[in-house]
PDB file of N, CA and C in Angstrom:
ATOM      1  N   UNK A   1       7.483 -10.196  -8.851  1.00  0.00           N
ATOM      2  CA  UNK A   1       8.393  -9.092  -9.125  1.00  0.00           C
ATOM      3  C   UNK A   1       7.595  -7.814  -9.349  1.00  0.00           C
ATOM      4  N   UNK A   2       8.076  -6.752  -8.768  1.00  0.00           N
ATOM      5  CA  UNK A   2       7.391  -5.473  -8.884  1.00  0.00           C
ATOM      6  C   UNK A   2       7.784  -4.812 -10.204  1.00  0.00           C
ATOM      7  N   UNK A   3       6.766  -4.495 -10.998  1.00  0.00           N
ATOM      8  CA  UNK A   3       6.971  -3.780 -12.248  1.00  0.00           C
ATOM      9  C   UNK A   3       7.046  -2.297 -11.927  1.00  0.00           C
ATOM     10  N   UNK A   4       8.037  -1.619 -12.453  1.00  0.00           N
ATOM     11  CA  UNK A   4       8.174  -0.188 -12.200  1.00  0.00           C
ATOM     12  C   UNK A   4       7.096   0.577 -12.960  1.00  0.00           C
ATOM     13  N   UNK A   5       6.213   1.212 -12.225  1.00  0.00           N
ATOM     14  CA  UNK A   5       5.127   1.989 -12.809  1.00  0.00           C
ATOM     15  C   UNK A   5       5.469   3.472 -12.734  1.00  0.00           C
ATOM     16  N   UNK A   6       4.926   4.252 -13.656  1.00  0.00           N
ATOM     17  CA  UNK A   6       5.184   5.688 -13.676  1.00  0.00           C
ATOM     18  C   UNK A   6       4.171   6.453 -12.831  1.00  0.00           C
ATOM     19  N   UNK A   7       2.986   5.913 -12.651  1.00  0.00           N
ATOM     20  CA  UNK A   7       1.965   6.548 -11.829  1.00  0.00           C
ATOM     21  C   UNK A   7       2.246   6.172 -10.379  1.00  0.00           C
ATOM     22  N   UNK A   8       2.526   7.165  -9.545  1.00  0.00           N
ATOM     23  CA  UNK A   8       2.942   6.873  -8.168  1.00  0.00           C
ATOM     24  C   UNK A   8       1.834   6.205  -7.361  1.00  0.00           C
ATOM     25  N   UNK A   9       0.603   6.611  -7.560  1.00  0.00           N
ATOM     26  CA  UNK A   9      -0.507   5.967  -6.849  1.00  0.00           C
ATOM     27  C   UNK A   9      -0.576   4.482  -7.212  1.00  0.00           C
ATOM     28  N   UNK A  10      -0.456   4.178  -8.487  1.00  0.00           N
ATOM     29  CA  UNK A  10      -0.469   2.773  -8.919  1.00  0.00           C
ATOM     30  C   UNK A  10       0.703   2.007  -8.316  1.00  0.00           C
ATOM     31  N   UNK A  11       1.820   2.677  -8.199  1.00  0.00           N
ATOM     32  CA  UNK A  11       2.993   2.027  -7.616  1.00  0.00           C
ATOM     33  C   UNK A  11       2.766   1.708  -6.135  1.00  0.00           C
ATOM     34  N   UNK A  12       2.134   2.621  -5.397  1.00  0.00           N
ATOM     35  CA  UNK A  12       1.812   2.351  -3.991  1.00  0.00           C
ATOM     36  C   UNK A  12       0.797   1.221  -3.860  1.00  0.00           C
ATOM     37  N   UNK A  13      -0.180   1.199  -4.748  1.00  0.00           N
ATOM     38  CA  UNK A  13      -1.184   0.127  -4.736  1.00  0.00           C
ATOM     39  C   UNK A  13      -0.515  -1.213  -5.030  1.00  0.00           C
ATOM     40  N   UNK A  14       0.354  -1.232  -6.016  1.00  0.00           N
ATOM     41  CA  UNK A  14       1.073  -2.457  -6.360  1.00  0.00           C
ATOM     42  C   UNK A  14       1.936  -2.916  -5.180  1.00  0.00           C
ATOM     43  N   UNK A  15       2.597  -1.981  -4.525  1.00  0.00           N
ATOM     44  CA  UNK A  15       3.435  -2.328  -3.379  1.00  0.00           C
ATOM     45  C   UNK A  15       2.591  -2.927  -2.252  1.00  0.00           C
ATOM     46  N   UNK A  16       1.438  -2.325  -1.986  1.00  0.00           N
ATOM     47  CA  UNK A  16       0.544  -2.865  -0.952  1.00  0.00           C
ATOM     48  C   UNK A  16       0.116  -4.279  -1.314  1.00  0.00           C
ATOM     49  N   UNK A  17      -0.227  -4.503  -2.570  1.00  0.00           N
ATOM     50  CA  UNK A  17      -0.634  -5.830  -3.018  1.00  0.00           C
ATOM     51  C   UNK A  17       0.492  -6.845  -2.900  1.00  0.00           C
ATOM     52  N   UNK A  18       1.683  -6.464  -3.314  1.00  0.00           N
ATOM     53  CA  UNK A  18       2.834  -7.382  -3.226  1.00  0.00           C
ATOM     54  C   UNK A  18       3.165  -7.710  -1.770  1.00  0.00           C
ATOM     55  N   UNK A  19       2.976  -6.729  -0.897  1.00  0.00           N
ATOM     56  CA  UNK A  19       3.209  -6.980   0.529  1.00  0.00           C
ATOM     57  C   UNK A  19       2.182  -7.977   1.067  1.00  0.00           C
ATOM     58  N   UNK A  20       0.951  -7.866   0.632  1.00  0.00           N
ATOM     59  CA  UNK A  20      -0.083  -8.819   1.044  1.00  0.00           C
ATOM     60  C   UNK A  20       0.276 -10.222   0.559  1.00  0.00           C
ATOM     61  N   UNK A  21       0.702 -10.337  -0.707  1.00  0.00           N
ATOM     62  CA  UNK A  21       1.109 -11.652  -1.222  1.00  0.00           C
ATOM     63  C   UNK A  21       2.238 -12.242  -0.382  1.00  0.00           C
ATOM     64  N   UNK A  22       3.215 -11.400  -0.012  1.00  0.00           N
ATOM     65  CA  UNK A  22       4.319 -11.849   0.830  1.00  0.00           C
ATOM     66  C   UNK A  22       3.800 -12.335   2.182  1.00  0.00           C
ATOM     67  N   UNK A  23       2.919 -11.533   2.794  1.00  0.00           N
ATOM     68  CA  UNK A  23       2.431 -11.850   4.136  1.00  0.00           C
ATOM     69  C   UNK A  23       1.545 -13.097   4.160  1.00  0.00           C
ATOM     70  N   UNK A  24       0.841 -13.357   3.075  1.00  0.00           N
ATOM     71  CA  UNK A  24      -0.015 -14.541   3.033  1.00  0.00           C
ATOM     72  C   UNK A  24       0.794 -15.830   3.154  1.00  0.00           C
ATOM     73  N   UNK A  25       2.087 -15.762   2.861  1.00  0.00           N
ATOM     74  CA  UNK A  25       2.953 -16.934   2.941  1.00  0.00           C
ATOM     75  C   UNK A  25       3.678 -17.054   4.281  1.00  0.00           C
ATOM     76  N   UNK A  26       3.479 -16.090   5.175  1.00  0.00           N
ATOM     77  CA  UNK A  26       4.112 -16.171   6.492  1.00  0.00           C
ATOM     78  C   UNK A  26       3.508 -17.328   7.273  1.00  0.00           C
ATOM     79  N   UNK A  27       4.273 -17.875   8.228  1.00  0.00           N
ATOM     80  CA  UNK A  27       3.701 -18.917   9.087  1.00  0.00           C
ATOM     81  C   UNK A  27       2.417 -18.416   9.748  1.00  0.00           C
ATOM     82  N   UNK A  28       1.493 -19.307   9.963  1.00  0.00           N
ATOM     83  CA  UNK A  28       0.172 -18.942  10.505  1.00  0.00           C
ATOM     84  C   UNK A  28       0.168 -18.959  12.043  1.00  0.00           C
ATOM     85  N   UNK A  29       1.247 -18.508  12.649  1.00  0.00           N
ATOM     86  CA  UNK A  29       1.321 -18.428  14.106  1.00  0.00           C
ATOM     87  C   UNK A  29       1.066 -16.989  14.546  1.00  0.00           C
ATOM     88  N   UNK A  30       1.232 -16.715  15.832  1.00  0.00           N
ATOM     89  CA  UNK A  30       0.968 -15.366  16.348  1.00  0.00           C
ATOM     90  C   UNK A  30       1.865 -14.314  15.712  1.00  0.00           C
ATOM     91  N   UNK A  31       3.112 -14.652  15.476  1.00  0.00           N
ATOM     92  CA  UNK A  31       4.049 -13.696  14.888  1.00  0.00           C
ATOM     93  C   UNK A  31       3.634 -13.371  13.456  1.00  0.00           C
ATOM     94  N   UNK A  32       3.380 -14.395  12.660  1.00  0.00           N
ATOM     95  CA  UNK A  32       2.974 -14.182  11.279  1.00  0.00           C
ATOM     96  C   UNK A  32       1.698 -13.370  11.183  1.00  0.00           C
ATOM     97  N   UNK A  33       0.726 -13.690  12.038  1.00  0.00           N
ATOM     98  CA  UNK A  33      -0.539 -12.960  12.026  1.00  0.00           C
ATOM     99  C   UNK A  33      -0.340 -11.505  12.431  1.00  0.00           C
ATOM    100  N   UNK A  34       0.477 -11.279  13.439  1.00  0.00           N
ATOM    101  CA  UNK A  34       0.722  -9.917  13.901  1.00  0.00           C
ATOM    102  C   UNK A  34       1.319  -9.064  12.779  1.00  0.00           C
ATOM    103  N   UNK A  35       2.363  -9.575  12.147  1.00  0.00           N
ATOM    104  CA  UNK A  35       3.017  -8.782  11.107  1.00  0.00           C
ATOM    105  C   UNK A  35       2.177  -8.684   9.838  1.00  0.00           C
ATOM    106  N   UNK A  36       1.392  -9.699   9.542  1.00  0.00           N
ATOM    107  CA  UNK A  36       0.463  -9.591   8.419  1.00  0.00           C
ATOM    108  C   UNK A  36      -0.498  -8.433   8.662  1.00  0.00           C
ATOM    109  N   UNK A  37      -1.130  -8.423   9.834  1.00  0.00           N
ATOM    110  CA  UNK A  37      -2.086  -7.363  10.159  1.00  0.00           C
ATOM    111  C   UNK A  37      -1.419  -5.984  10.156  1.00  0.00           C
ATOM    112  N   UNK A  38      -0.231  -5.915  10.734  1.00  0.00           N
ATOM    113  CA  UNK A  38       0.478  -4.637  10.845  1.00  0.00           C
ATOM    114  C   UNK A  38       0.826  -4.088   9.460  1.00  0.00           C
ATOM    115  N   UNK A  39       1.378  -4.940   8.608  1.00  0.00           N
ATOM    116  CA  UNK A  39       1.785  -4.468   7.282  1.00  0.00           C
ATOM    117  C   UNK A  39       0.598  -4.248   6.360  1.00  0.00           C
ATOM    118  N   UNK A  40      -0.484  -4.984   6.573  1.00  0.00           N
ATOM    119  CA  UNK A  40      -1.707  -4.737   5.816  1.00  0.00           C
ATOM    120  C   UNK A  40      -2.181  -3.309   6.073  1.00  0.00           C
ATOM    121  N   UNK A  41      -2.161  -2.905   7.348  1.00  0.00           N
ATOM    122  CA  UNK A  41      -2.592  -1.546   7.700  1.00  0.00           C
ATOM    123  C   UNK A  41      -1.622  -0.483   7.192  1.00  0.00           C
ATOM    124  N   UNK A  42      -0.334  -0.687   7.387  1.00  0.00           N
ATOM    125  CA  UNK A  42       0.618   0.374   7.028  1.00  0.00           C
ATOM    126  C   UNK A  42       0.770   0.549   5.518  1.00  0.00           C
ATOM    127  N   UNK A  43       0.785  -0.538   4.752  1.00  0.00           N
ATOM    128  CA  UNK A  43       0.902  -0.372   3.296  1.00  0.00           C
ATOM    129  C   UNK A  43      -0.391   0.173   2.700  1.00  0.00           C
ATOM    130  N   UNK A  44      -1.518  -0.305   3.198  1.00  0.00           N
ATOM    131  CA  UNK A  44      -2.799   0.220   2.726  1.00  0.00           C
ATOM    132  C   UNK A  44      -2.946   1.684   3.063  1.00  0.00           C
ATOM    133  N   UNK A  45      -2.521   2.050   4.258  1.00  0.00           N
ATOM    134  CA  UNK A  45      -2.617   3.445   4.690  1.00  0.00           C
ATOM    135  C   UNK A  45      -1.740   4.355   3.837  1.00  0.00           C
ATOM    136  N   UNK A  46      -0.570   3.884   3.446  1.00  0.00           N
ATOM    137  CA  UNK A  46       0.295   4.731   2.620  1.00  0.00           C
ATOM    138  C   UNK A  46      -0.381   5.039   1.284  1.00  0.00           C
ATOM    139  N   UNK A  47      -1.003   4.055   0.666  1.00  0.00           N
ATOM    140  CA  UNK A  47      -1.699   4.277  -0.609  1.00  0.00           C
ATOM    141  C   UNK A  47      -2.925   5.174  -0.413  1.00  0.00           C
ATOM    142  N   UNK A  48      -3.689   4.918   0.634  1.00  0.00           N
ATOM    143  CA  UNK A  48      -4.896   5.703   0.881  1.00  0.00           C
ATOM    144  C   UNK A  48      -4.577   7.157   1.210  1.00  0.00           C
ATOM    145  N   UNK A  49      -3.558   7.373   2.019  1.00  0.00           N
ATOM    146  CA  UNK A  49      -3.186   8.747   2.367  1.00  0.00           C
ATOM    147  C   UNK A  49      -2.621   9.496   1.168  1.00  0.00           C
ATOM    148  N   UNK A  50      -1.952   8.791   0.266  1.00  0.00           N
ATOM    149  CA  UNK A  50      -1.497   9.456  -0.950  1.00  0.00           C
ATOM    150  C   UNK A  50      -2.699   9.911  -1.773  1.00  0.00           C
ATOM    151  N   UNK A  51      -3.711   9.058  -1.843  1.00  0.00           N
ATOM    152  CA  UNK A  51      -4.935   9.450  -2.543  1.00  0.00           C
ATOM    153  C   UNK A  51      -5.564  10.681  -1.921  1.00  0.00           C
ATOM    154  N   UNK A  52      -5.591  10.741  -0.603  1.00  0.00           N
ATOM    155  CA  UNK A  52      -6.126  11.920   0.080  1.00  0.00           C
ATOM    156  C   UNK A  52      -5.272  13.154  -0.182  1.00  0.00           C
ATOM    157  N   UNK A  53      -3.966  12.976  -0.259  1.00  0.00           N
ATOM    158  CA  UNK A  53      -3.067  14.109  -0.501  1.00  0.00           C
ATOM    159  C   UNK A  53      -3.356  14.761  -1.848  1.00  0.00           C
ATOM    160  N   UNK A  54      -3.815  13.979  -2.794  1.00  0.00           N
ATOM    161  CA  UNK A  54      -4.108  14.520  -4.121  1.00  0.00           C
ATOM    162  C   UNK A  54      -5.302  15.473  -4.099  1.00  0.00           C
ATOM    163  N   UNK A  55      -6.136  15.368  -3.080  1.00  0.00           N
ATOM    164  CA  UNK A  55      -7.309  16.228  -2.997  1.00  0.00           C
ATOM    165  C   UNK A  55      -7.195  17.363  -2.003  1.00  0.00           C
ATOM    166  N   UNK A  56      -6.003  17.588  -1.486  1.00  0.00           N
ATOM    167  CA  UNK A  56      -5.854  18.659  -0.497  1.00  0.00           C
ATOM    168  C   UNK A  56      -5.911  20.032  -1.162  1.00  0.00           C
ATOM    169  N   UNK A  57      -6.300  21.025  -0.367  1.00  0.00           N
ATOM    170  CA  UNK A  57      -6.463  22.385  -0.884  1.00  0.00           C
ATOM    171  C   UNK A  57      -5.269  23.283  -0.603  1.00  0.00           C
ATOM    172  N   UNK A  58      -4.433  22.888   0.336  1.00  0.00           N
ATOM    173  CA  UNK A  58      -3.299  23.738   0.690  1.00  0.00           C
ATOM    174  C   UNK A  58      -2.006  22.928   0.676  1.00  0.00           C
ATOM    175  N   UNK A  59      -0.916  23.635   0.550  1.00  0.00           N
ATOM    176  CA  UNK A  59       0.398  22.995   0.600  1.00  0.00           C
ATOM    177  C   UNK A  59       0.608  22.355   1.974  1.00  0.00           C
ATOM    178  N   UNK A  60       0.168  23.036   3.013  1.00  0.00           N
ATOM    179  CA  UNK A  60       0.320  22.512   4.370  1.00  0.00           C
ATOM    180  C   UNK A  60      -0.407  21.174   4.514  1.00  0.00           C
ATOM    181  N   UNK A  61      -1.622  21.079   4.007  1.00  0.00           N
ATOM    182  CA  UNK A  61      -2.376  19.820   4.074  1.00  0.00           C
ATOM    183  C   UNK A  61      -1.693  18.726   3.257  1.00  0.00           C
ATOM    184  N   UNK A  62      -1.185  19.088   2.079  1.00  0.00           N
ATOM    185  CA  UNK A  62      -0.485  18.122   1.243  1.00  0.00           C
ATOM    186  C   UNK A  62       0.732  17.568   1.978  1.00  0.00           C
ATOM    187  N   UNK A  63       1.519  18.451   2.558  1.00  0.00           N
ATOM    188  CA  UNK A  63       2.719  18.013   3.292  1.00  0.00           C
ATOM    189  C   UNK A  63       2.335  17.125   4.461  1.00  0.00           C
ATOM    190  N   UNK A  64       1.268  17.482   5.170  1.00  0.00           N
ATOM    191  CA  UNK A  64       0.815  16.671   6.298  1.00  0.00           C
ATOM    192  C   UNK A  64       0.455  15.256   5.842  1.00  0.00           C
ATOM    193  N   UNK A  65      -0.326  15.131   4.781  1.00  0.00           N
ATOM    194  CA  UNK A  65      -0.731  13.809   4.272  1.00  0.00           C
ATOM    195  C   UNK A  65       0.478  13.025   3.774  1.00  0.00           C
ATOM    196  N   UNK A  66       1.382  13.704   3.078  1.00  0.00           N
ATOM    197  CA  UNK A  66       2.556  13.012   2.546  1.00  0.00           C
ATOM    198  C   UNK A  66       3.507  12.589   3.664  1.00  0.00           C
ATOM    199  N   UNK A  67       3.529  13.352   4.746  1.00  0.00           N
ATOM    200  CA  UNK A  67       4.319  12.943   5.905  1.00  0.00           C
ATOM    201  C   UNK A  67       3.744  11.664   6.505  1.00  0.00           C
ATOM    202  N   UNK A  68       2.431  11.536   6.492  1.00  0.00           N
ATOM    203  CA  UNK A  68       1.786  10.307   6.959  1.00  0.00           C
ATOM    204  C   UNK A  68       2.139   9.145   6.038  1.00  0.00           C
ATOM    205  N   UNK A  69       2.145   9.375   4.730  1.00  0.00           N
ATOM    206  CA  UNK A  69       2.552   8.328   3.779  1.00  0.00           C
ATOM    207  C   UNK A  69       3.969   7.865   4.116  1.00  0.00           C
ATOM    208  N   UNK A  70       4.868   8.806   4.337  1.00  0.00           N
ATOM    209  CA  UNK A  70       6.253   8.488   4.659  1.00  0.00           C
ATOM    210  C   UNK A  70       6.353   7.689   5.957  1.00  0.00           C
ATOM    211  N   UNK A  71       5.597   8.103   6.957  1.00  0.00           N
ATOM    212  CA  UNK A  71       5.600   7.410   8.249  1.00  0.00           C
ATOM    213  C   UNK A  71       5.155   5.955   8.081  1.00  0.00           C
ATOM    214  N   UNK A  72       4.104   5.741   7.310  1.00  0.00           N
ATOM    215  CA  UNK A  72       3.581   4.383   7.107  1.00  0.00           C
ATOM    216  C   UNK A  72       4.565   3.513   6.322  1.00  0.00           C
ATOM    217  N   UNK A  73       5.239   4.106   5.344  1.00  0.00           N
ATOM    218  CA  UNK A  73       6.243   3.351   4.595  1.00  0.00           C
ATOM    219  C   UNK A  73       7.408   2.956   5.498  1.00  0.00           C
ATOM    220  N   UNK A  74       7.832   3.876   6.357  1.00  0.00           N
ATOM    221  CA  UNK A  74       8.924   3.567   7.279  1.00  0.00           C
ATOM    222  C   UNK A  74       8.507   2.492   8.281  1.00  0.00           C
ATOM    223  N   UNK A  75       7.255   2.509   8.698  1.00  0.00           N
ATOM    224  CA  UNK A  75       6.744   1.478   9.601  1.00  0.00           C
ATOM    225  C   UNK A  75       6.807   0.106   8.918  1.00  0.00           C
ATOM    226  N   UNK A  76       6.434   0.056   7.657  1.00  0.00           N
ATOM    227  CA  UNK A  76       6.493  -1.188   6.903  1.00  0.00           C
ATOM    228  C   UNK A  76       7.934  -1.671   6.796  1.00  0.00           C
ATOM    229  N   UNK A  77       8.853  -0.740   6.580  1.00  0.00           N
ATOM    230  CA  UNK A  77      10.272  -1.104   6.471  1.00  0.00           C
ATOM    231  C   UNK A  77      10.768  -1.772   7.750  1.00  0.00           C
ATOM    232  N   UNK A  78      10.420  -1.211   8.888  1.00  0.00           N
ATOM    233  CA  UNK A  78      10.858  -1.792  10.161  1.00  0.00           C
ATOM    234  C   UNK A  78      10.253  -3.183  10.345  1.00  0.00           C
ATOM    235  N   UNK A  79       8.979  -3.341   9.984  1.00  0.00           N
ATOM    236  CA  UNK A  79       8.353  -4.660  10.098  1.00  0.00           C
ATOM    237  C   UNK A  79       9.087  -5.684   9.246  1.00  0.00           C
ATOM    238  N   UNK A  80       9.418  -5.312   8.018  1.00  0.00           N
ATOM    239  CA  UNK A  80      10.146  -6.233   7.141  1.00  0.00           C
ATOM    240  C   UNK A  80      11.535  -6.553   7.683  1.00  0.00           C
ATOM    241  N   UNK A  81      12.179  -5.559   8.283  1.00  0.00           N
ATOM    242  CA  UNK A  81      13.497  -5.797   8.874  1.00  0.00           C
ATOM    243  C   UNK A  81      13.412  -6.748  10.069  1.00  0.00           C
ATOM    244  N   UNK A  82      12.376  -6.605  10.888  1.00  0.00           N
ATOM    245  CA  UNK A  82      12.183  -7.531  12.010  1.00  0.00           C
ATOM    246  C   UNK A  82      11.978  -8.948  11.477  1.00  0.00           C
ATOM    247  N   UNK A  83      11.134  -9.075  10.454  1.00  0.00           N
ATOM    248  CA  UNK A  83      10.902 -10.397   9.870  1.00  0.00           C
ATOM    249  C   UNK A  83      12.184 -10.982   9.293  1.00  0.00           C
ATOM    250  N   UNK A  84      13.024 -10.145   8.727  1.00  0.00           N
ATOM    251  CA  UNK A  84      14.315 -10.614   8.235  1.00  0.00           C
ATOM    252  C   UNK A  84      15.209 -11.088   9.365  1.00  0.00           C
ATOM    253  N   UNK A  85      15.184 -10.365  10.451  1.00  0.00           N
ATOM    254  CA  UNK A  85      16.013 -10.727  11.601  1.00  0.00           C
ATOM    255  C   UNK A  85      15.645 -12.101  12.149  1.00  0.00           C
ATOM    256  N   UNK A  86      14.360 -12.415  12.134  1.00  0.00           N
ATOM    257  CA  UNK A  86      13.927 -13.714  12.662  1.00  0.00           C
ATOM    258  C   UNK A  86      13.720 -14.747  11.545  1.00  0.00           C
ATOM    259  N   UNK A  87      14.138 -14.395  10.338  1.00  0.00           N
ATOM    260  CA  UNK A  87      14.059 -15.292   9.171  1.00  0.00           C
ATOM    261  C   UNK A  87      12.636 -15.774   8.892  1.00  0.00           C
ATOM    262  N   UNK A  88      11.698 -14.829   8.865  1.00  0.00           N
ATOM    263  CA  UNK A  88      10.299 -15.131   8.536  1.00  0.00           C
ATOM    264  C   UNK A  88      10.007 -14.669   7.126  1.00  0.00           C
ATOM    265  N   UNK A  89       9.364 -15.513   6.365  1.00  0.00           N
ATOM    266  CA  UNK A  89       8.975 -15.156   5.008  1.00  0.00           C
ATOM    267  C   UNK A  89      10.092 -15.401   4.013  1.00  0.00           C
ATOM    268  N   UNK A  90       9.714 -15.360   2.750  1.00  0.00           N
ATOM    269  CA  UNK A  90      10.651 -15.589   1.658  1.00  0.00           C
ATOM    270  C   UNK A  90      11.677 -14.461   1.605  1.00  0.00           C
ATOM    271  N   UNK A  91      12.942 -14.814   1.730  1.00  0.00           N
ATOM    272  CA  UNK A  91      14.007 -13.813   1.801  1.00  0.00           C
ATOM    273  C   UNK A  91      14.101 -12.971   0.528  1.00  0.00           C
ATOM    274  N   UNK A  92      14.013 -13.596  -0.633  1.00  0.00           N
ATOM    275  CA  UNK A  92      14.120 -12.862  -1.891  1.00  0.00           C
ATOM    276  C   UNK A  92      12.975 -11.862  -2.038  1.00  0.00           C
ATOM    277  N   UNK A  93      11.772 -12.290  -1.692  1.00  0.00           N
ATOM    278  CA  UNK A  93      10.602 -11.403  -1.786  1.00  0.00           C
ATOM    279  C   UNK A  93      10.726 -10.253  -0.782  1.00  0.00           C
ATOM    280  N   UNK A  94      11.179 -10.579   0.435  1.00  0.00           N
ATOM    281  CA  UNK A  94      11.351  -9.547   1.465  1.00  0.00           C
ATOM    282  C   UNK A  94      12.377  -8.510   1.008  1.00  0.00           C
ATOM    283  N   UNK A  95      13.483  -8.966   0.429  1.00  0.00           N
ATOM    284  CA  UNK A  95      14.515  -8.040  -0.049  1.00  0.00           C
ATOM    285  C   UNK A  95      14.011  -7.179  -1.195  1.00  0.00           C
ATOM    286  N   UNK A  96      13.207  -7.763  -2.078  1.00  0.00           N
ATOM    287  CA  UNK A  96      12.618  -7.012  -3.187  1.00  0.00           C
ATOM    288  C   UNK A  96      11.685  -5.929  -2.643  1.00  0.00           C
ATOM    289  N   UNK A  97      10.890  -6.269  -1.625  1.00  0.00           N
ATOM    290  CA  UNK A  97       9.999  -5.281  -1.014  1.00  0.00           C
ATOM    291  C   UNK A  97      10.798  -4.168  -0.340  1.00  0.00           C
ATOM    292  N   UNK A  98      11.892  -4.529   0.333  1.00  0.00           N
ATOM    293  CA  UNK A  98      12.726  -3.515   0.980  1.00  0.00           C
ATOM    294  C   UNK A  98      13.369  -2.583  -0.051  1.00  0.00           C
ATOM    295  N   UNK A  99      13.760  -3.129  -1.182  1.00  0.00           N
ATOM    296  CA  UNK A  99      14.336  -2.299  -2.241  1.00  0.00           C
ATOM    297  C   UNK A  99      13.293  -1.309  -2.773  1.00  0.00           C
ATOM    298  N   UNK A 100      12.094  -1.813  -3.026  1.00  0.00           N
ATOM    299  CA  UNK A 100      11.017  -0.943  -3.504  1.00  0.00           C
ATOM    300  C   UNK A 100      10.672   0.111  -2.453  1.00  0.00           C
ATOM    301  N   UNK A 101      10.683  -0.286  -1.188  1.00  0.00           N
ATOM    302  CA  UNK A 101      10.415   0.668  -0.101  1.00  0.00           C
ATOM    303  C   UNK A 101      11.425   1.805  -0.108  1.00  0.00           C
ATOM    304  N   UNK A 102      12.671   1.481  -0.343  1.00  0.00           N
ATOM    305  CA  UNK A 102      13.698   2.514  -0.407  1.00  0.00           C
ATOM    306  C   UNK A 102      13.397   3.533  -1.493  1.00  0.00           C
ATOM    307  N   UNK A 103      12.968   3.045  -2.652  1.00  0.00           N
ATOM    308  CA  UNK A 103      12.643   3.939  -3.757  1.00  0.00           C
ATOM    309  C   UNK A 103      11.388   4.762  -3.461  1.00  0.00           C
ATOM    310  N   UNK A 104      10.364   4.116  -2.922  1.00  0.00           N
ATOM    311  CA  UNK A 104       9.121   4.828  -2.602  1.00  0.00           C
ATOM    312  C   UNK A 104       9.368   5.910  -1.555  1.00  0.00           C
ATOM    313  N   UNK A 105      10.145   5.577  -0.554  1.00  0.00           N
ATOM    314  CA  UNK A 105      10.468   6.534   0.512  1.00  0.00           C
ATOM    315  C   UNK A 105      11.220   7.733  -0.053  1.00  0.00           C
ATOM    316  N   UNK A 106      12.163   7.480  -0.950  1.00  0.00           N
ATOM    317  CA  UNK A 106      12.928   8.565  -1.554  1.00  0.00           C
ATOM    318  C   UNK A 106      12.016   9.475  -2.384  1.00  0.00           C
ATOM    319  N   UNK A 107      11.079   8.886  -3.111  1.00  0.00           N
ATOM    320  CA  UNK A 107      10.154   9.673  -3.933  1.00  0.00           C
ATOM    321  C   UNK A 107       9.262  10.545  -3.056  1.00  0.00           C
ATOM    322  N   UNK A 108       8.705   9.960  -1.996  1.00  0.00           N
ATOM    323  CA  UNK A 108       7.826  10.727  -1.107  1.00  0.00           C
ATOM    324  C   UNK A 108       8.608  11.853  -0.431  1.00  0.00           C
ATOM    325  N   UNK A 109       9.809  11.554   0.021  1.00  0.00           N
ATOM    326  CA  UNK A 109      10.640  12.579   0.665  1.00  0.00           C
ATOM    327  C   UNK A 109      10.895  13.730  -0.293  1.00  0.00           C
ATOM    328  N   UNK A 110      11.171  13.418  -1.544  1.00  0.00           N
ATOM    329  CA  UNK A 110      11.416  14.459  -2.555  1.00  0.00           C
ATOM    330  C   UNK A 110      10.149  15.279  -2.819  1.00  0.00           C
ATOM    331  N   UNK A 111       8.990  14.614  -2.843  1.00  0.00           N
ATOM    332  CA  UNK A 111       7.724  15.345  -3.033  1.00  0.00           C
ATOM    333  C   UNK A 111       7.513  16.344  -1.899  1.00  0.00           C
ATOM    334  N   UNK A 112       7.796  15.921  -0.681  1.00  0.00           N
ATOM    335  CA  UNK A 112       7.630  16.797   0.484  1.00  0.00           C
ATOM    336  C   UNK A 112       8.602  17.973   0.396  1.00  0.00           C
ATOM    337  N   UNK A 113       9.860  17.691   0.097  1.00  0.00           N
ATOM    338  CA  UNK A 113      10.853  18.761  -0.018  1.00  0.00           C
ATOM    339  C   UNK A 113      10.511  19.750  -1.126  1.00  0.00           C
ATOM    340  N   UNK A 114      10.024  19.246  -2.243  1.00  0.00           N
ATOM    341  CA  UNK A 114       9.650  20.141  -3.352  1.00  0.00           C
ATOM    342  C   UNK A 114       8.502  21.073  -2.966  1.00  0.00           C
ATOM    343  N   UNK A 115       7.564  20.589  -2.178  1.00  0.00           N
ATOM    344  CA  UNK A 115       6.440  21.428  -1.749  1.00  0.00           C
ATOM    345  C   UNK A 115       6.859  22.466  -0.719  1.00  0.00           C
ATOM    346  N   UNK A 116       7.929  22.172   0.031  1.00  0.00           N
ATOM    347  CA  UNK A 116       8.392  23.108   1.042  1.00  0.00           C
ATOM    348  C   UNK A 116       9.165  24.270   0.451  1.00  0.00           C
ATOM    349  N   UNK A 117       9.572  24.158  -0.807  1.00  0.00           N
ATOM    350  CA  UNK A 117      10.360  25.231  -1.452  1.00  0.00           C
ATOM    351  C   UNK A 117       9.515  26.434  -1.778  1.00  0.00           C
TER     352      UNK A 117
END
């Protein structure tokens, strides 16, 4: 179960870790391996790009990095939805990850909108 953290970076790291735990239980066939690798990259990238966004010097750079975070989170969402469609992985864990993804996506979108003001 994902504990709600107040530090957004920690929350992204926790989400990446929980996604890895979920993926480690996928069947060890080509499909499971493909989605494990794909989600490992996209969840890790979202956390890493958020870290980079914290060190940007301009609003434009911050928005660019945060847009990448958003893109990677949305990519993870689609992967989880595909796995749900084919009934791969633990359904309860997948739904919990999708719920957290919805919240993370909303937070990132709000951060981007606030910087554009």
